[in-house]
Protein backbone atom coordinates (compact mmCIF):
# COMPACT_ATOMS: atom_id res chain seq x y z
CA MET A 1 216.80 -98.21 120.49
CA ARG A 2 213.27 -97.42 119.32
CA LYS A 3 211.89 -100.42 121.17
CA SER A 4 213.44 -99.24 124.44
CA GLU A 5 212.10 -95.71 123.86
CA GLY A 6 208.63 -97.18 123.35
CA CYS A 7 208.92 -99.18 126.57
CA LEU A 8 210.13 -96.11 128.43
CA LYS A 9 207.17 -94.07 127.17
CA PHE A 10 204.79 -96.88 128.10
CA PHE A 11 206.11 -97.09 131.67
CA PHE A 12 206.05 -93.30 131.95
CA LEU A 13 202.36 -93.27 130.95
CA ILE A 14 201.60 -96.06 133.44
CA PHE A 15 203.42 -94.11 136.17
CA ILE A 16 201.46 -90.91 135.37
CA GLY A 17 198.20 -92.88 135.18
CA CYS A 18 198.80 -94.45 138.59
CA GLY A 19 199.51 -91.02 140.06
CA LEU A 20 196.29 -89.64 138.63
CA PHE A 21 194.36 -92.65 139.90
CA LEU A 22 195.74 -92.27 143.40
CA THR A 23 195.03 -88.53 143.36
CA CYS A 24 191.46 -89.07 142.16
CA SER A 25 190.76 -91.93 144.53
CA LYS A 26 191.97 -89.95 147.53
CA SER A 27 188.68 -88.04 147.66
CA TYR A 28 186.83 -91.34 148.11
CA ALA A 29 189.19 -92.60 150.82
CA GLN A 30 187.44 -90.83 153.67
CA ASP A 31 185.74 -93.02 156.27
CA TYR A 32 182.08 -93.62 155.59
CA LEU A 33 179.73 -91.74 157.88
CA ILE A 34 176.67 -93.66 159.02
CA ALA A 35 173.33 -92.03 158.20
CA PRO A 36 169.61 -92.67 158.70
CA ALA A 37 168.27 -95.69 156.76
CA ASP A 38 171.64 -97.49 156.85
CA VAL A 39 171.64 -100.99 158.33
CA ILE A 40 174.44 -101.73 160.76
CA GLU A 41 175.38 -104.88 162.60
CA ILE A 42 176.69 -104.64 166.14
CA SER A 43 178.05 -107.64 167.98
CA ILE A 44 179.87 -108.19 171.25
CA TRP A 45 182.54 -110.87 170.97
CA GLY A 46 181.67 -114.01 172.93
CA GLU A 47 178.09 -112.85 173.63
CA LYS A 48 175.71 -114.57 171.19
CA ASP A 49 172.71 -112.72 172.57
CA LEU A 50 174.35 -109.37 171.87
CA MET A 51 174.41 -109.41 168.10
CA ARG A 52 171.90 -107.26 166.22
CA GLN A 53 171.31 -105.84 162.78
CA VAL A 54 169.59 -102.50 163.23
CA VAL A 55 168.27 -99.80 160.91
CA VAL A 56 169.41 -96.28 161.76
CA ARG A 57 166.25 -94.33 162.56
CA PRO A 58 165.42 -90.94 161.03
CA ASP A 59 166.60 -89.29 164.27
CA GLY A 60 170.05 -90.88 163.74
CA LYS A 61 169.76 -93.27 166.67
CA ILE A 62 169.68 -97.02 167.17
CA SER A 63 168.67 -99.16 170.13
CA PHE A 64 170.93 -101.89 171.49
CA PRO A 65 170.46 -104.22 174.47
CA LEU A 66 171.89 -103.07 177.81
CA ILE A 67 172.88 -99.62 176.54
CA GLY A 68 169.60 -98.32 175.08
CA ASP A 69 169.55 -95.60 172.43
CA ILE A 70 172.75 -94.16 171.02
CA VAL A 71 173.33 -91.64 168.24
CA VAL A 72 175.22 -93.21 165.34
CA ALA A 73 174.42 -90.88 162.42
CA GLY A 74 177.37 -88.76 161.37
CA LYS A 75 179.86 -91.16 162.98
CA THR A 76 182.23 -93.76 161.56
CA THR A 77 182.00 -97.44 162.49
CA THR A 78 185.15 -97.00 164.61
CA GLN A 79 183.54 -94.18 166.61
CA VAL A 80 180.36 -96.22 167.16
CA ARG A 81 182.38 -99.30 168.17
CA LYS A 82 184.27 -97.28 170.81
CA GLU A 83 181.04 -95.78 172.16
CA VAL A 84 179.36 -99.21 172.39
CA GLU A 85 182.39 -100.65 174.20
CA THR A 86 182.41 -97.71 176.65
CA LYS A 87 178.68 -97.93 177.41
CA ILE A 88 178.55 -101.71 177.74
CA HIS A 89 181.68 -101.78 179.96
CA GLU A 90 179.43 -101.46 183.05
CA TYR A 91 177.85 -104.85 182.25
CA ILE A 92 180.70 -106.61 180.41
CA PRO A 93 184.05 -105.13 181.55
CA ASP A 94 186.26 -106.53 178.76
CA ALA A 95 183.73 -106.27 175.94
CA ILE A 96 185.04 -106.18 172.40
CA ALA A 97 182.50 -104.78 169.97
CA SER A 98 182.28 -105.04 166.23
CA VAL A 99 180.33 -102.58 164.07
CA ILE A 100 179.74 -103.23 160.37
CA VAL A 101 177.68 -101.32 157.83
CA VAL A 102 175.62 -104.10 156.27
CA GLN A 103 173.49 -102.07 153.89
CA LEU A 104 173.76 -98.53 152.61
CA GLY A 105 170.27 -97.13 152.70
CA SER A 106 171.22 -93.50 152.87
CA LEU A 107 173.16 -92.82 149.66
CA GLN A 108 170.13 -91.88 147.62
CA TYR A 109 170.03 -89.37 144.82
CA TYR A 110 167.09 -88.24 142.73
CA VAL A 111 167.22 -87.37 139.04
CA VAL A 112 164.03 -85.81 137.67
CA GLY A 113 162.90 -84.02 134.54
CA LYS A 114 163.97 -84.61 130.97
CA VAL A 115 166.14 -87.71 131.40
CA ASN A 116 165.50 -91.15 129.94
CA LYS A 117 165.06 -92.92 133.29
CA PRO A 118 164.10 -90.47 136.06
CA GLY A 119 163.94 -91.80 139.58
CA VAL A 120 165.63 -92.55 142.88
CA PHE A 121 169.10 -94.05 142.70
CA ASN A 122 170.65 -95.98 145.58
CA VAL A 123 174.40 -96.20 145.20
CA SER A 124 177.25 -97.57 147.26
CA LYS A 125 179.61 -94.60 146.99
CA PRO A 126 179.39 -90.87 146.33
CA ILE A 127 178.89 -90.00 142.67
CA THR A 128 179.22 -86.87 140.54
CA VAL A 129 176.44 -85.04 138.72
CA LEU A 130 177.61 -86.51 135.41
CA GLN A 131 177.55 -90.03 136.84
CA ALA A 132 174.02 -89.45 138.18
CA LEU A 133 172.88 -88.31 134.74
CA ALA A 134 174.43 -91.45 133.23
CA LEU A 135 172.56 -93.64 135.74
CA ALA A 136 169.38 -91.87 134.64
CA GLY A 137 170.01 -92.91 131.04
CA GLY A 138 171.24 -89.52 129.88
CA LEU A 139 169.35 -86.45 128.76
CA THR A 140 166.38 -86.57 126.40
CA THR A 141 166.47 -84.75 123.07
CA PHE A 142 164.64 -81.68 124.36
CA ALA A 143 166.48 -81.31 127.69
CA ASP A 144 167.90 -77.87 128.44
CA GLU A 145 171.61 -78.76 128.69
CA LYS A 146 172.63 -75.31 129.93
CA HIS A 147 170.27 -75.01 132.90
CA ILE A 148 170.46 -78.21 134.95
CA PHE A 149 170.18 -77.68 138.70
CA ILE A 150 171.19 -79.60 141.79
CA ILE A 151 168.79 -79.00 144.67
CA ARG A 152 170.52 -79.58 148.01
CA TYR A 153 168.88 -79.49 151.43
CA TYR A 154 170.60 -78.34 154.63
CA GLY A 155 168.05 -78.85 157.39
CA ASN A 156 165.40 -76.22 156.71
CA LYS A 157 167.43 -74.45 154.01
CA THR A 158 167.59 -75.23 150.31
CA GLN A 159 170.49 -74.49 147.99
CA LYS A 160 170.28 -74.42 144.18
CA LEU A 161 173.52 -75.23 142.31
CA SER A 162 173.91 -74.78 138.55
CA PHE A 163 175.27 -77.40 136.16
CA ASN A 164 175.90 -76.70 132.47
CA TYR A 165 176.07 -80.03 130.62
CA LYS A 166 176.96 -78.28 127.35
CA GLU A 167 180.17 -76.91 128.90
CA ILE A 168 181.07 -80.28 130.40
CA LYS A 169 180.72 -81.94 126.97
CA LYS A 170 183.28 -79.46 125.65
CA GLY A 171 185.63 -80.17 128.56
CA GLU A 172 185.07 -76.70 130.03
CA ASN A 173 184.28 -75.64 133.60
CA LEU A 174 184.72 -79.18 134.94
CA LYS A 175 184.66 -77.98 138.57
CA GLN A 176 180.85 -77.82 138.37
CA ASN A 177 180.75 -81.64 138.15
CA ILE A 178 180.57 -81.89 141.95
CA LEU A 179 180.08 -84.92 144.16
CA LEU A 180 176.45 -85.27 145.10
CA LYS A 181 175.42 -85.48 148.73
CA ARG A 182 172.74 -87.65 150.30
CA GLY A 183 169.30 -86.62 149.16
CA ASP A 184 170.44 -84.28 146.37
CA VAL A 185 167.98 -83.78 143.51
CA VAL A 186 169.29 -83.29 139.98
CA LEU A 187 166.66 -81.35 138.04
CA VAL A 188 166.83 -81.40 134.24
CA PRO A 189 164.35 -78.91 132.71
């Protein structure tokens, strides 16, 4: 009987763990939005001359033969594919486009100040403040754990968000461990 109870507990823990994993991974399941510095590949099926890898310019646009400049920043690959098909329809009526993000050049975060490896970090998915600090090798001995800041830019505006590493270490106030956004700066005084 004890063996079956142990198995039951084991499967219960696995079930709970899977539920937590699916709940946590849901936040990452959103479609990726293309941004400046990303490299995308656009091809038109059956048209060898209409295949290009292009870097998204700082203005959020790319250039493609026959259709010229189009805005791709802030859109998913599906949205860009539909727009390319619509615009190229005038020249190739039954065109089938493919749009692939080849290289993520836009998911950059900066960690500066009293960390072991300050710098620019290019990552392939959104990360939390704690993960960014880990990528930077952790805090140095004399870092101010209570007064870490995330500097976030919204166009011409700047926002300063607080992060208390000391609380996080104790398992308190975990909501402050936010997902970083493109271009965020983590400042460790």
